[in-house]
Amino acid sequence: MAEPWFQVAKAVALPPAWLWFRWRFEHLERIPQRGPALIACNHASYLDPIANAYAVVKAGRRPRFLAKEDLFDIPLVGRALAGAGQIPVSRGSGDRTPLVRAERALAAGEAVLVYPEGTVTTRSDGLPMAGKTGTVRLALALGVRITPMVSWGSAAVWQKSGPGSLKPGRPVWVSVGDPIDLGAGQDAIHDYDAVRRMTADLMGVLTALTIDLRDRYPRRWADAR
């Protein structure tokens, strides 16, 4: 059932997004073309999943997200998410089921997208906050590299405070960084301090990539509302 729902979601969401925003995608070739792909993203806006999914689809992969459980309670949206094989996450519950499902998806060679922060950033500068350890634990458990992906330009459109500017033609940029090899075996997953250090390093990479994208973003749109 996942494939039909995915095709429906792609047909409904991507064409309007393509028409409304001016997209720029950088280094999509860094997304693994086949096999497991663990993609870690910054989270500046509720529009990010569309931007990230668009990039992954353009790279020839089908994205699977770890998505906030509340989204699955929204009529039709929840059915579409579940039908497309997206993975619900209950924040703060300690439930490992989402990680187990993500492990299975990666083991099956799928592309799994995660937001290590667990929520949209609350920083006034839009940069990433501290990350949770789940992304690193996934990478260690499966022995896969982490592909960093960042976006910029979406924060003015839809934040926690609600919908913002819907001006047509706003640039939304997405860039993919070099894959990160954690350089550690499965045993490292039990070393809490090591996992925390690797998570901090991952967030450092996402922050640096985000700053680079922000600094190159068209100045005339930087503060446009």
Protein backbone atom coordinates (compact mmCIF):
# COMPACT_ATOMS: atom_id res chain seq x y z
CA MET A 1 0.00 0.00 0.00
CA ALA A 2 2.92 2.38 0.56
CA GLU A 3 3.67 2.98 -3.12
CA PRO A 4 0.15 4.15 -4.18
CA TRP A 5 -0.11 6.49 -1.18
CA PHE A 6 3.38 7.83 -1.85
CA GLN A 7 2.48 8.56 -5.48
CA VAL A 8 -0.70 10.34 -4.38
CA ALA A 9 1.20 12.45 -1.82
CA LYS A 10 3.85 13.31 -4.40
CA ALA A 11 1.22 14.31 -6.96
CA VAL A 12 -0.70 16.46 -4.46
CA ALA A 13 2.13 18.20 -2.59
CA LEU A 14 5.02 18.68 -4.98
CA PRO A 15 3.47 20.45 -8.02
CA PRO A 16 2.03 23.36 -5.97
CA ALA A 17 5.30 23.68 -4.06
CA TRP A 18 7.26 23.68 -7.32
CA LEU A 19 5.05 26.45 -8.73
CA TRP A 20 4.93 28.64 -5.61
CA PHE A 21 8.58 28.72 -4.55
CA ARG A 22 11.88 29.15 -6.38
CA TRP A 23 13.84 26.04 -5.58
CA ARG A 24 17.57 25.49 -5.52
CA PHE A 25 19.02 22.05 -4.85
CA GLU A 26 22.72 21.52 -4.25
CA HIS A 27 24.77 18.31 -4.27
CA LEU A 28 21.89 15.85 -4.58
CA GLU A 29 24.46 13.38 -5.90
CA ARG A 30 25.65 12.99 -2.30
CA ILE A 31 22.43 11.15 -1.44
CA PRO A 32 23.12 7.41 -1.86
CA GLN A 33 21.53 6.25 -5.11
CA ARG A 34 20.69 2.83 -3.71
CA GLY A 35 20.80 0.96 -0.45
CA PRO A 36 20.21 2.43 3.01
CA ALA A 37 20.31 6.22 3.30
CA LEU A 38 20.06 7.85 6.72
CA ILE A 39 19.48 11.55 6.10
CA ALA A 40 19.69 14.02 9.00
CA CYS A 41 18.09 17.43 8.46
CA ASN A 42 17.93 20.79 10.20
CA HIS A 43 14.42 21.87 11.19
CA ALA A 44 13.68 25.58 10.79
CA SER A 45 10.07 25.34 9.61
CA TYR A 46 7.02 23.11 9.22
CA LEU A 47 7.62 23.42 5.48
CA ASP A 48 10.90 21.50 5.81
CA PRO A 49 9.41 18.01 5.21
CA ILE A 50 8.15 19.14 1.80
CA ALA A 51 11.53 20.68 0.94
CA ASN A 52 13.45 17.63 2.13
CA ALA A 53 11.09 15.18 0.44
CA TYR A 54 11.31 17.15 -2.81
CA ALA A 55 15.12 16.91 -2.71
CA VAL A 56 15.09 13.17 -2.02
CA VAL A 57 12.55 12.52 -4.78
CA LYS A 58 14.67 14.55 -7.22
CA ALA A 59 17.62 12.37 -6.22
CA GLY A 60 15.61 9.32 -7.28
CA ARG A 61 14.74 7.98 -3.84
CA ARG A 62 11.49 7.55 -1.92
CA PRO A 63 11.62 9.32 1.46
CA ARG A 64 10.42 7.85 4.73
CA PHE A 65 10.18 10.24 7.67
CA LEU A 66 10.09 9.86 11.40
CA ALA A 67 7.10 12.17 11.91
CA LYS A 68 5.46 13.60 15.02
CA GLU A 69 2.65 11.32 16.18
CA ASP A 70 0.12 14.17 16.35
CA LEU A 71 0.21 14.48 12.56
CA PHE A 72 -1.26 11.01 12.26
CA ASP A 73 -4.38 12.18 14.12
CA ILE A 74 -5.24 14.74 11.43
CA PRO A 75 -8.01 13.42 9.14
CA LEU A 76 -6.75 12.40 5.70
CA VAL A 77 -3.22 13.65 6.49
CA GLY A 78 -2.76 10.87 9.02
CA ARG A 79 -4.13 8.28 6.63
CA ALA A 80 -1.83 9.48 3.87
CA LEU A 81 1.21 9.42 6.17
CA ALA A 82 0.45 5.92 7.41
CA GLY A 83 -0.39 4.70 3.92
CA ALA A 84 2.91 6.05 2.59
CA GLY A 85 4.85 4.17 5.26
CA GLN A 86 5.87 7.15 7.39
CA ILE A 87 6.88 6.41 10.98
CA PRO A 88 5.05 8.05 13.93
CA VAL A 89 7.14 9.27 16.86
CA SER A 90 5.77 10.10 20.31
CA ARG A 91 8.20 12.65 21.70
CA GLY A 92 9.41 12.07 25.25
CA SER A 93 7.67 8.71 25.62
CA GLY A 94 10.81 6.58 25.54
CA ASP A 95 9.07 4.24 23.08
CA ARG A 96 11.69 2.50 20.91
CA THR A 97 9.16 1.33 18.31
CA PRO A 98 9.93 4.21 15.88
CA LEU A 99 13.67 3.44 16.01
CA VAL A 100 12.99 -0.25 15.45
CA ARG A 101 10.83 0.57 12.42
CA ALA A 102 13.48 2.96 11.12
CA GLU A 103 16.13 0.25 11.55
CA ARG A 104 13.99 -2.16 9.54
CA ALA A 105 13.47 0.42 6.79
CA LEU A 106 17.21 1.09 6.56
CA ALA A 107 17.99 -2.62 6.63
CA ALA A 108 15.59 -2.98 3.69
CA GLY A 109 17.60 -0.38 1.76
CA GLU A 110 15.24 2.57 2.15
CA ALA A 111 15.95 6.29 2.57
CA VAL A 112 14.99 7.44 6.08
CA LEU A 113 14.87 11.14 6.99
CA VAL A 114 15.21 12.31 10.57
CA TYR A 115 15.25 15.63 12.40
CA PRO A 116 17.78 15.15 15.21
CA GLU A 117 16.42 18.17 17.11
CA GLY A 118 13.05 16.44 17.40
CA THR A 119 11.14 19.66 16.75
CA VAL A 120 11.32 22.98 14.89
CA THR A 121 14.14 25.12 16.24
CA THR A 122 13.21 27.85 18.70
CA ARG A 123 16.45 29.77 18.18
CA SER A 124 15.85 33.33 17.00
CA ASP A 125 18.56 32.94 14.34
CA GLY A 126 16.95 29.79 12.93
CA LEU A 127 20.05 27.65 13.46
CA PRO A 128 19.86 24.07 14.79
CA MET A 129 19.47 23.38 18.50
CA ALA A 130 21.07 20.51 20.40
CA GLY A 131 20.26 17.13 18.90
CA LYS A 132 18.88 13.96 20.42
CA THR A 133 20.94 10.78 20.17
CA GLY A 134 18.54 8.66 18.09
CA THR A 135 20.12 9.48 14.73
CA VAL A 136 23.60 8.45 15.85
CA ARG A 137 22.22 5.31 17.49
CA LEU A 138 20.52 4.36 14.22
CA ALA A 139 23.74 4.85 12.28
CA LEU A 140 25.75 2.78 14.75
CA ALA A 141 23.16 -0.01 14.91
CA LEU A 142 23.11 -0.41 11.12
CA GLY A 143 26.69 0.56 10.36
CA VAL A 144 25.57 3.25 7.90
CA ARG A 145 26.85 6.75 7.23
CA ILE A 146 24.75 9.82 7.96
CA THR A 147 23.96 12.14 5.06
CA PRO A 148 23.43 15.73 6.29
CA MET A 149 20.82 17.86 4.53
CA VAL A 150 19.92 21.47 5.30
CA SER A 151 17.35 23.90 3.97
CA TRP A 152 16.93 27.67 4.22
CA GLY A 153 14.20 30.08 3.18
CA SER A 154 11.24 28.19 4.61
CA ALA A 155 11.24 29.72 8.10
CA ALA A 156 9.30 32.80 7.04
CA VAL A 157 6.59 30.59 5.53
CA TRP A 158 5.47 28.39 8.42
CA GLN A 159 6.79 28.37 11.96
CA LYS A 160 5.48 27.24 15.34
CA SER A 161 3.73 30.59 15.71
CA GLY A 162 1.63 29.75 12.66
CA PRO A 163 1.60 30.40 8.91
CA GLY A 164 3.71 33.36 7.84
CA SER A 165 4.47 34.86 4.46
CA LEU A 166 3.04 33.14 1.41
CA LYS A 167 4.61 35.49 -1.11
CA PRO A 168 5.08 33.60 -4.37
CA GLY A 169 8.58 33.27 -5.70
CA ARG A 170 10.32 32.99 -2.34
CA PRO A 171 13.61 31.09 -2.73
CA VAL A 172 13.84 27.83 -0.82
CA TRP A 173 17.28 26.29 -0.92
CA VAL A 174 18.29 22.75 -0.02
CA SER A 175 21.88 21.54 0.21
CA VAL A 176 23.35 18.11 0.93
CA GLY A 177 26.65 17.71 2.75
CA ASP A 178 29.26 14.99 2.52
CA PRO A 179 28.20 11.72 4.19
CA ILE A 180 29.47 11.35 7.75
CA ASP A 181 31.25 8.16 8.76
CA LEU A 182 31.06 7.90 12.54
CA GLY A 183 34.16 5.73 12.56
CA ALA A 184 32.84 3.51 15.34
CA GLY A 185 31.41 0.01 15.58
CA GLN A 186 28.13 -1.22 17.06
CA ASP A 187 29.67 -1.46 20.53
CA ALA A 188 29.87 2.34 20.68
CA ILE A 189 26.09 2.49 20.94
CA HIS A 190 26.45 1.49 24.60
CA ASP A 191 28.94 4.30 25.34
CA TYR A 192 26.69 7.19 26.34
CA ASP A 193 29.45 9.80 26.34
CA ALA A 194 30.67 8.72 22.90
CA VAL A 195 27.13 8.82 21.49
CA ARG A 196 26.63 12.31 22.92
CA ARG A 197 29.92 13.49 21.39
CA MET A 198 29.02 12.07 17.99
CA THR A 199 25.59 13.71 18.22
CA ALA A 200 27.20 17.06 19.05
CA ASP A 201 29.55 16.62 16.08
CA LEU A 202 26.58 15.86 13.80
CA MET A 203 24.78 18.99 14.95
CA GLY A 204 27.98 20.95 14.38
CA VAL A 205 28.01 19.79 10.76
CA LEU A 206 24.33 20.67 10.29
CA THR A 207 24.92 24.09 11.84
CA ALA A 208 27.92 24.84 9.62
CA LEU A 209 26.01 23.79 6.49
CA THR A 210 23.02 25.89 7.55
CA ILE A 211 25.18 28.96 8.15
CA ASP A 212 26.80 28.53 4.73
CA LEU A 213 23.39 28.33 3.06
CA ARG A 214 22.04 31.26 5.07
CA ASP A 215 25.01 33.46 4.20
CA ARG A 216 24.56 32.81 0.47
CA TYR A 217 20.78 33.23 0.51
CA PRO A 218 19.47 36.23 -1.51
CA ARG A 219 19.68 39.27 0.77
CA ARG A 220 16.49 40.84 -0.57
CA TRP A 221 14.52 37.85 0.73
CA ALA A 222 16.41 37.35 3.97
CA ASP A 223 14.04 39.43 6.08
CA ALA A 224 11.07 39.57 3.72
CA ARG A 225 7.71 38.76 5.28
